[in-house]
Amino acid sequence: MFEAIVLDVWKEQRAQLNTTNDGLKKRLNRLPERTNQLTEAFAYNQSIDRETYQTQLARLREDQLLIEMELNETKVEELDVESAVFAL
């Protein structure tokens, strides 16, 4: 009985991690498009100045790093859950 409960909790946590990963991957996949739009606004349309471009580009790069860190963190959490469950 205990083992079944632990496995149910593990499955639920794994599903939550998968949902989180999917959302993070979608955000990460949109970043190149956003970077291209920003570059287009600066280089081709000249609708923003250099300072705005650089600030926004730095923000997009920071977002990318944060998302990648979150993805790595969810992988570690998944491994922790798996190792705890299968150690029983």
PDB file of N, CA and C in Angstrom:
ATOM      1  N   MET A   1       0.824  -1.195   0.000  1.00  0.00           N
ATOM      2  CA  MET A   1       0.000   0.000   0.000  1.00  0.00           C
ATOM      3  C   MET A   1       0.871   1.262   0.000  1.00  0.00           C
ATOM      4  N   PHE A   2       1.856   1.281   0.873  1.00  0.00           N
ATOM      5  CA  PHE A   2       2.755   2.436   0.958  1.00  0.00           C
ATOM      6  C   PHE A   2       3.450   2.672  -0.374  1.00  0.00           C
ATOM      7  N   GLU A   3       3.910   1.592  -0.995  1.00  0.00           N
ATOM      8  CA  GLU A   3       4.610   1.697  -2.269  1.00  0.00           C
ATOM      9  C   GLU A   3       3.704   2.284  -3.347  1.00  0.00           C
ATOM     10  N   ALA A   4       2.450   1.887  -3.361  1.00  0.00           N
ATOM     11  CA  ALA A   4       1.489   2.414  -4.341  1.00  0.00           C
ATOM     12  C   ALA A   4       1.276   3.908  -4.139  1.00  0.00           C
ATOM     13  N   ILE A   5       1.198   4.347  -2.906  1.00  0.00           N
ATOM     14  CA  ILE A   5       1.006   5.774  -2.611  1.00  0.00           C
ATOM     15  C   ILE A   5       2.225   6.570  -3.062  1.00  0.00           C
ATOM     16  N   VAL A   6       3.396   6.050  -2.751  1.00  0.00           N
ATOM     17  CA  VAL A   6       4.627   6.730  -3.145  1.00  0.00           C
ATOM     18  C   VAL A   6       4.709   6.828  -4.663  1.00  0.00           C
ATOM     19  N   LEU A   7       4.364   5.761  -5.362  1.00  0.00           N
ATOM     20  CA  LEU A   7       4.394   5.789  -6.829  1.00  0.00           C
ATOM     21  C   LEU A   7       3.382   6.775  -7.396  1.00  0.00           C
ATOM     22  N   ASP A   8       2.217   6.875  -6.788  1.00  0.00           N
ATOM     23  CA  ASP A   8       1.216   7.852  -7.240  1.00  0.00           C
ATOM     24  C   ASP A   8       1.736   9.277  -7.074  1.00  0.00           C
ATOM     25  N   VAL A   9       2.345   9.549  -5.935  1.00  0.00           N
ATOM     26  CA  VAL A   9       2.910  10.883  -5.692  1.00  0.00           C
ATOM     27  C   VAL A   9       4.020  11.161  -6.701  1.00  0.00           C
ATOM     28  N   TRP A  10       4.858  10.159  -6.944  1.00  0.00           N
ATOM     29  CA  TRP A  10       5.939  10.316  -7.907  1.00  0.00           C
ATOM     30  C   TRP A  10       5.397  10.621  -9.298  1.00  0.00           C
ATOM     31  N   LYS A  11       4.363   9.904  -9.709  1.00  0.00           N
ATOM     32  CA  LYS A  11       3.762  10.136 -11.026  1.00  0.00           C
ATOM     33  C   LYS A  11       3.184  11.542 -11.123  1.00  0.00           C
ATOM     34  N   GLU A  12       2.563  11.994 -10.056  1.00  0.00           N
ATOM     35  CA  GLU A  12       1.990  13.344 -10.044  1.00  0.00           C
ATOM     36  C   GLU A  12       3.097  14.397 -10.141  1.00  0.00           C
ATOM     37  N   GLN A  13       4.163  14.223  -9.379  1.00  0.00           N
ATOM     38  CA  GLN A  13       5.265  15.174  -9.430  1.00  0.00           C
ATOM     39  C   GLN A  13       5.946  15.164 -10.794  1.00  0.00           C
ATOM     40  N   ARG A  14       6.066  13.987 -11.373  1.00  0.00           N
ATOM     41  CA  ARG A  14       6.666  13.878 -12.701  1.00  0.00           C
ATOM     42  C   ARG A  14       5.797  14.598 -13.741  1.00  0.00           C
ATOM     43  N   ALA A  15       4.493  14.462 -13.632  1.00  0.00           N
ATOM     44  CA  ALA A  15       3.581  15.152 -14.555  1.00  0.00           C
ATOM     45  C   ALA A  15       3.710  16.664 -14.398  1.00  0.00           C
ATOM     46  N   GLN A  16       3.828  17.123 -13.159  1.00  0.00           N
ATOM     47  CA  GLN A  16       4.001  18.555 -12.928  1.00  0.00           C
ATOM     48  C   GLN A  16       5.313  19.056 -13.517  1.00  0.00           C
ATOM     49  N   LEU A  17       6.371  18.280 -13.348  1.00  0.00           N
ATOM     50  CA  LEU A  17       7.664  18.660 -13.920  1.00  0.00           C
ATOM     51  C   LEU A  17       7.601  18.686 -15.445  1.00  0.00           C
ATOM     52  N   ASN A  18       6.901  17.726 -16.029  1.00  0.00           N
ATOM     53  CA  ASN A  18       6.756  17.707 -17.488  1.00  0.00           C
ATOM     54  C   ASN A  18       6.006  18.936 -17.985  1.00  0.00           C
ATOM     55  N   THR A  19       4.965  19.321 -17.261  1.00  0.00           N
ATOM     56  CA  THR A  19       4.213  20.516 -17.624  1.00  0.00           C
ATOM     57  C   THR A  19       5.092  21.754 -17.534  1.00  0.00           C
ATOM     58  N   THR A  20       5.856  21.839 -16.455  1.00  0.00           N
ATOM     59  CA  THR A  20       6.774  22.963 -16.282  1.00  0.00           C
ATOM     60  C   THR A  20       7.808  22.983 -17.404  1.00  0.00           C
ATOM     61  N   ASN A  21       8.389  21.818 -17.708  1.00  0.00           N
ATOM     62  CA  ASN A  21       9.377  21.729 -18.786  1.00  0.00           C
ATOM     63  C   ASN A  21       8.795  22.156 -20.123  1.00  0.00           C
ATOM     64  N   ASP A  22       7.591  21.726 -20.420  1.00  0.00           N
ATOM     65  CA  ASP A  22       6.956  22.093 -21.686  1.00  0.00           C
ATOM     66  C   ASP A  22       6.805  23.606 -21.804  1.00  0.00           C
ATOM     67  N   GLY A  23       6.357  24.237 -20.737  1.00  0.00           N
ATOM     68  CA  GLY A  23       6.202  25.691 -20.746  1.00  0.00           C
ATOM     69  C   GLY A  23       7.528  26.411 -20.919  1.00  0.00           C
ATOM     70  N   LEU A  24       8.546  25.929 -20.234  1.00  0.00           N
ATOM     71  CA  LEU A  24       9.871  26.538 -20.348  1.00  0.00           C
ATOM     72  C   LEU A  24      10.436  26.362 -21.755  1.00  0.00           C
ATOM     73  N   LYS A  25      10.253  25.195 -22.327  1.00  0.00           N
ATOM     74  CA  LYS A  25      10.757  24.948 -23.678  1.00  0.00           C
ATOM     75  C   LYS A  25      10.055  25.834 -24.705  1.00  0.00           C
ATOM     76  N   LYS A  26       8.760  26.052 -24.529  1.00  0.00           N
ATOM     77  CA  LYS A  26       8.027  26.941 -25.434  1.00  0.00           C
ATOM     78  C   LYS A  26       8.578  28.363 -25.338  1.00  0.00           C
ATOM     79  N   ARG A  27       8.808  28.817 -24.108  1.00  0.00           N
ATOM     80  CA  ARG A  27       9.375  30.160 -23.916  1.00  0.00           C
ATOM     81  C   ARG A  27      10.755  30.253 -24.553  1.00  0.00           C
ATOM     82  N   LEU A  28      11.567  29.225 -24.373  1.00  0.00           N
ATOM     83  CA  LEU A  28      12.918  29.208 -24.924  1.00  0.00           C
ATOM     84  C   LEU A  28      12.880  29.206 -26.450  1.00  0.00           C
ATOM     85  N   ASN A  29      11.958  28.464 -27.023  1.00  0.00           N
ATOM     86  CA  ASN A  29      11.839  28.384 -28.481  1.00  0.00           C
ATOM     87  C   ASN A  29      11.358  29.683 -29.109  1.00  0.00           C
ATOM     88  N   ARG A  30      10.674  30.532 -28.348  1.00  0.00           N
ATOM     89  CA  ARG A  30      10.196  31.818 -28.865  1.00  0.00           C
ATOM     90  C   ARG A  30      11.276  32.895 -28.845  1.00  0.00           C
ATOM     91  N   LEU A  31      12.325  32.688 -28.081  1.00  0.00           N
ATOM     92  CA  LEU A  31      13.347  33.724 -27.945  1.00  0.00           C
ATOM     93  C   LEU A  31      14.063  34.077 -29.248  1.00  0.00           C
ATOM     94  N   PRO A  32      14.439  33.117 -30.087  1.00  0.00           N
ATOM     95  CA  PRO A  32      15.076  33.520 -31.359  1.00  0.00           C
ATOM     96  C   PRO A  32      14.166  34.406 -32.220  1.00  0.00           C
ATOM     97  N   GLU A  33      12.894  34.103 -32.244  1.00  0.00           N
ATOM     98  CA  GLU A  33      11.953  34.930 -33.010  1.00  0.00           C
ATOM     99  C   GLU A  33      11.888  36.341 -32.438  1.00  0.00           C
ATOM    100  N   ARG A  34      11.836  36.430 -31.123  1.00  0.00           N
ATOM    101  CA  ARG A  34      11.793  37.749 -30.482  1.00  0.00           C
ATOM    102  C   ARG A  34      13.087  38.517 -30.741  1.00  0.00           C
ATOM    103  N   THR A  35      14.210  37.815 -30.735  1.00  0.00           N
ATOM    104  CA  THR A  35      15.495  38.457 -31.025  1.00  0.00           C
ATOM    105  C   THR A  35      15.512  38.970 -32.455  1.00  0.00           C
ATOM    106  N   ASN A  36      15.005  38.171 -33.375  1.00  0.00           N
ATOM    107  CA  ASN A  36      14.929  38.606 -34.776  1.00  0.00           C
ATOM    108  C   ASN A  36      14.031  39.822 -34.937  1.00  0.00           C
ATOM    109  N   GLN A  37      12.904  39.844 -34.243  1.00  0.00           N
ATOM    110  CA  GLN A  37      11.997  40.992 -34.315  1.00  0.00           C
ATOM    111  C   GLN A  37      12.674  42.253 -33.784  1.00  0.00           C
ATOM    112  N   LEU A  38      13.406  42.083 -32.704  1.00  0.00           N
ATOM    113  CA  LEU A  38      14.119  43.215 -32.121  1.00  0.00           C
ATOM    114  C   LEU A  38      15.174  43.742 -33.087  1.00  0.00           C
ATOM    115  N   THR A  39      15.928  42.828 -33.674  1.00  0.00           N
ATOM    116  CA  THR A  39      16.964  43.221 -34.630  1.00  0.00           C
ATOM    117  C   THR A  39      16.348  43.905 -35.840  1.00  0.00           C
ATOM    118  N   GLU A  40      15.243  43.377 -36.294  1.00  0.00           N
ATOM    119  CA  GLU A  40      14.554  43.993 -37.437  1.00  0.00           C
ATOM    120  C   GLU A  40      14.086  45.402 -37.102  1.00  0.00           C
ATOM    121  N   ALA A  41      13.543  45.570 -35.901  1.00  0.00           N
ATOM    122  CA  ALA A  41      13.077  46.895 -35.484  1.00  0.00           C
ATOM    123  C   ALA A  41      14.235  47.884 -35.429  1.00  0.00           C
ATOM    124  N   PHE A  42      15.388  47.416 -35.027  1.00  0.00           N
ATOM    125  CA  PHE A  42      16.546  48.301 -34.925  1.00  0.00           C
ATOM    126  C   PHE A  42      17.225  48.512 -36.280  1.00  0.00           C
ATOM    127  N   ALA A  43      17.568  47.433 -36.946  1.00  0.00           N
ATOM    128  CA  ALA A  43      18.405  47.525 -38.142  1.00  0.00           C
ATOM    129  C   ALA A  43      17.648  47.931 -39.403  1.00  0.00           C
ATOM    130  N   TYR A  44      16.443  47.392 -39.549  1.00  0.00           N
ATOM    131  CA  TYR A  44      15.731  47.617 -40.810  1.00  0.00           C
ATOM    132  C   TYR A  44      14.667  48.704 -40.713  1.00  0.00           C
ATOM    133  N   ASN A  45      13.879  48.650 -39.662  1.00  0.00           N
ATOM    134  CA  ASN A  45      12.801  49.628 -39.525  1.00  0.00           C
ATOM    135  C   ASN A  45      13.258  50.908 -38.848  1.00  0.00           C
ATOM    136  N   GLN A  46      14.365  50.832 -38.151  1.00  0.00           N
ATOM    137  CA  GLN A  46      14.912  51.960 -37.400  1.00  0.00           C
ATOM    138  C   GLN A  46      13.853  52.595 -36.493  1.00  0.00           C
ATOM    139  N   SER A  47      13.030  51.727 -35.891  1.00  0.00           N
ATOM    140  CA  SER A  47      11.966  52.211 -35.019  1.00  0.00           C
ATOM    141  C   SER A  47      12.399  52.290 -33.553  1.00  0.00           C
ATOM    142  N   ILE A  48      13.600  51.789 -33.249  1.00  0.00           N
ATOM    143  CA  ILE A  48      14.147  51.924 -31.899  1.00  0.00           C
ATOM    144  C   ILE A  48      15.600  52.365 -32.000  1.00  0.00           C
ATOM    145  N   ASP A  49      16.066  53.020 -30.945  1.00  0.00           N
ATOM    146  CA  ASP A  49      17.454  53.477 -30.954  1.00  0.00           C
ATOM    147  C   ASP A  49      18.395  52.385 -30.442  1.00  0.00           C
ATOM    148  N   ARG A  50      19.687  52.630 -30.583  1.00  0.00           N
ATOM    149  CA  ARG A  50      20.710  51.651 -30.213  1.00  0.00           C
ATOM    150  C   ARG A  50      20.626  51.287 -28.730  1.00  0.00           C
ATOM    151  N   GLU A  51      20.422  52.261 -27.885  1.00  0.00           N
ATOM    152  CA  GLU A  51      20.365  51.988 -26.441  1.00  0.00           C
ATOM    153  C   GLU A  51      19.198  51.058 -26.099  1.00  0.00           C
ATOM    154  N   THR A  52      18.046  51.314 -26.678  1.00  0.00           N
ATOM    155  CA  THR A  52      16.881  50.456 -26.453  1.00  0.00           C
ATOM    156  C   THR A  52      17.148  49.055 -26.979  1.00  0.00           C
ATOM    157  N   TYR A  53      17.747  48.997 -28.164  1.00  0.00           N
ATOM    158  CA  TYR A  53      18.081  47.701 -28.753  1.00  0.00           C
ATOM    159  C   TYR A  53      18.997  46.903 -27.828  1.00  0.00           C
ATOM    160  N   GLN A  54      20.057  47.528 -27.368  1.00  0.00           N
ATOM    161  CA  GLN A  54      21.017  46.836 -26.516  1.00  0.00           C
ATOM    162  C   GLN A  54      20.394  46.413 -25.187  1.00  0.00           C
ATOM    163  N   THR A  55      19.568  47.267 -24.625  1.00  0.00           N
ATOM    164  CA  THR A  55      18.900  46.939 -23.362  1.00  0.00           C
ATOM    165  C   THR A  55      17.974  45.746 -23.540  1.00  0.00           C
ATOM    166  N   GLN A  56      17.176  45.765 -24.597  1.00  0.00           N
ATOM    167  CA  GLN A  56      16.232  44.682 -24.838  1.00  0.00           C
ATOM    168  C   GLN A  56      16.945  43.384 -25.230  1.00  0.00           C
ATOM    169  N   LEU A  57      18.027  43.499 -25.973  1.00  0.00           N
ATOM    170  CA  LEU A  57      18.800  42.315 -26.347  1.00  0.00           C
ATOM    171  C   LEU A  57      19.413  41.668 -25.096  1.00  0.00           C
ATOM    172  N   ALA A  58      19.922  42.485 -24.197  1.00  0.00           N
ATOM    173  CA  ALA A  58      20.475  41.965 -22.942  1.00  0.00           C
ATOM    174  C   ALA A  58      19.384  41.275 -22.131  1.00  0.00           C
ATOM    175  N   ARG A  59      18.199  41.846 -22.146  1.00  0.00           N
ATOM    176  CA  ARG A  59      17.066  41.246 -21.424  1.00  0.00           C
ATOM    177  C   ARG A  59      16.695  39.883 -22.007  1.00  0.00           C
ATOM    178  N   LEU A  60      16.673  39.786 -23.325  1.00  0.00           N
ATOM    179  CA  LEU A  60      16.367  38.505 -23.967  1.00  0.00           C
ATOM    180  C   LEU A  60      17.433  37.457 -23.644  1.00  0.00           C
ATOM    181  N   ARG A  61      18.691  37.864 -23.624  1.00  0.00           N
ATOM    182  CA  ARG A  61      19.767  36.926 -23.285  1.00  0.00           C
ATOM    183  C   ARG A  61      19.653  36.473 -21.827  1.00  0.00           C
ATOM    184  N   GLU A  62      19.301  37.413 -20.971  1.00  0.00           N
ATOM    185  CA  GLU A  62      19.099  37.072 -19.564  1.00  0.00           C
ATOM    186  C   GLU A  62      17.932  36.095 -19.408  1.00  0.00           C
ATOM    187  N   ASP A  63      16.853  36.352 -20.123  1.00  0.00           N
ATOM    188  CA  ASP A  63      15.702  35.435 -20.102  1.00  0.00           C
ATOM    189  C   ASP A  63      16.123  34.037 -20.532  1.00  0.00           C
ATOM    190  N   GLN A  64      16.946  33.961 -21.581  1.00  0.00           N
ATOM    191  CA  GLN A  64      17.396  32.666 -22.073  1.00  0.00           C
ATOM    192  C   GLN A  64      18.187  31.932 -20.991  1.00  0.00           C
ATOM    193  N   LEU A  65      19.094  32.630 -20.346  1.00  0.00           N
ATOM    194  CA  LEU A  65      19.888  31.993 -19.288  1.00  0.00           C
ATOM    195  C   LEU A  65      19.019  31.526 -18.132  1.00  0.00           C
ATOM    196  N   LEU A  66      18.058  32.348 -17.734  1.00  0.00           N
ATOM    197  CA  LEU A  66      17.179  31.978 -16.633  1.00  0.00           C
ATOM    198  C   LEU A  66      16.322  30.761 -16.980  1.00  0.00           C
ATOM    199  N   ILE A  67      15.815  30.731 -18.187  1.00  0.00           N
ATOM    200  CA  ILE A  67      14.999  29.591 -18.622  1.00  0.00           C
ATOM    201  C   ILE A  67      15.849  28.323 -18.654  1.00  0.00           C
ATOM    202  N   GLU A  68      17.059  28.429 -19.184  1.00  0.00           N
ATOM    203  CA  GLU A  68      17.939  27.260 -19.227  1.00  0.00           C
ATOM    204  C   GLU A  68      18.275  26.773 -17.819  1.00  0.00           C
ATOM    205  N   MET A  69      18.460  27.701 -16.890  1.00  0.00           N
ATOM    206  CA  MET A  69      18.722  27.323 -15.503  1.00  0.00           C
ATOM    207  C   MET A  69      17.512  26.611 -14.900  1.00  0.00           C
ATOM    208  N   GLU A  70      16.318  27.130 -15.185  1.00  0.00           N
ATOM    209  CA  GLU A  70      15.101  26.494 -14.680  1.00  0.00           C
ATOM    210  C   GLU A  70      14.929  25.089 -15.251  1.00  0.00           C
ATOM    211  N   LEU A  71      15.231  24.928 -16.532  1.00  0.00           N
ATOM    212  CA  LEU A  71      15.147  23.597 -17.144  1.00  0.00           C
ATOM    213  C   LEU A  71      16.115  22.628 -16.467  1.00  0.00           C
ATOM    214  N   ASN A  72      17.316  23.077 -16.213  1.00  0.00           N
ATOM    215  CA  ASN A  72      18.288  22.226 -15.527  1.00  0.00           C
ATOM    216  C   ASN A  72      17.823  21.892 -14.119  1.00  0.00           C
ATOM    217  N   GLU A  73      17.216  22.853 -13.454  1.00  0.00           N
ATOM    218  CA  GLU A  73      16.711  22.631 -12.096  1.00  0.00           C
ATOM    219  C   GLU A  73      15.604  21.579 -12.084  1.00  0.00           C
ATOM    220  N   THR A  74      14.735  21.607 -13.077  1.00  0.00           N
ATOM    221  CA  THR A  74      13.660  20.610 -13.121  1.00  0.00           C
ATOM    222  C   THR A  74      14.226  19.219 -13.390  1.00  0.00           C
ATOM    223  N   LYS A  75      15.310  19.146 -14.151  1.00  0.00           N
ATOM    224  CA  LYS A  75      15.947  17.846 -14.386  1.00  0.00           C
ATOM    225  C   LYS A  75      16.508  17.293 -13.078  1.00  0.00           C
ATOM    226  N   VAL A  76      17.117  18.157 -12.287  1.00  0.00           N
ATOM    227  CA  VAL A  76      17.666  17.729 -10.997  1.00  0.00           C
ATOM    228  C   VAL A  76      16.543  17.282 -10.074  1.00  0.00           C
ATOM    229  N   GLU A  77      15.446  18.032 -10.056  1.00  0.00           N
ATOM    230  CA  GLU A  77      14.299  17.660  -9.226  1.00  0.00           C
ATOM    231  C   GLU A  77      13.757  16.295  -9.648  1.00  0.00           C
ATOM    232  N   GLU A  78      13.685  16.077 -10.947  1.00  0.00           N
ATOM    233  CA  GLU A  78      13.180  14.803 -11.452  1.00  0.00           C
ATOM    234  C   GLU A  78      14.086  13.659 -11.000  1.00  0.00           C
ATOM    235  N   LEU A  79      15.385  13.870 -11.087  1.00  0.00           N
ATOM    236  CA  LEU A  79      16.320  12.843 -10.649  1.00  0.00           C
ATOM    237  C   LEU A  79      16.205  12.589  -9.147  1.00  0.00           C
ATOM    238  N   ASP A  80      16.016  13.654  -8.376  1.00  0.00           N
ATOM    239  CA  ASP A  80      15.858  13.506  -6.924  1.00  0.00           C
ATOM    240  C   ASP A  80      14.630  12.671  -6.594  1.00  0.00           C
ATOM    241  N   VAL A  81      13.527  12.953  -7.271  1.00  0.00           N
ATOM    242  CA  VAL A  81      12.288  12.227  -7.018  1.00  0.00           C
ATOM    243  C   VAL A  81      12.464  10.766  -7.413  1.00  0.00           C
ATOM    244  N   GLU A  82      13.049  10.534  -8.593  1.00  0.00           N
ATOM    245  CA  GLU A  82      13.239   9.173  -9.060  1.00  0.00           C
ATOM    246  C   GLU A  82      14.149   8.383  -8.122  1.00  0.00           C
ATOM    247  N   SER A  83      15.238   8.985  -7.697  1.00  0.00           N
ATOM    248  CA  SER A  83      16.160   8.267  -6.829  1.00  0.00           C
ATOM    249  C   SER A  83      15.532   7.965  -5.470  1.00  0.00           C
ATOM    250  N   ALA A  84      14.709   8.890  -4.979  1.00  0.00           N
ATOM    251  CA  ALA A  84      14.041   8.662  -3.697  1.00  0.00           C
ATOM    252  C   ALA A  84      13.012   7.545  -3.809  1.00  0.00           C
ATOM    253  N   VAL A  85      12.269   7.508  -4.881  1.00  0.00           N
ATOM    254  CA  VAL A  85      11.237   6.502  -5.057  1.00  0.00           C
ATOM    255  C   VAL A  85      11.846   5.129  -5.262  1.00  0.00           C
ATOM    256  N   PHE A  86      12.840   5.062  -6.129  1.00  0.00           N
ATOM    257  CA  PHE A  86      13.396   3.761  -6.462  1.00  0.00           C
ATOM    258  C   PHE A  86      14.392   3.254  -5.414  1.00  0.00           C
ATOM    259  N   ALA A  87      14.743   4.091  -4.451  1.00  0.00           N
ATOM    260  CA  ALA A  87      15.607   3.649  -3.350  1.00  0.00           C
ATOM    261  C   ALA A  87      14.809   2.833  -2.349  1.00  0.00           C
ATOM    262  N   LEU A  88      13.479   3.007  -2.404  1.00  0.00           N
ATOM    263  CA  LEU A  88      12.622   2.260  -1.480  1.00  0.00           C
ATOM    264  C   LEU A  88      12.582   0.864  -1.912  1.00  0.00           C
TER     265      LEU A  88
END
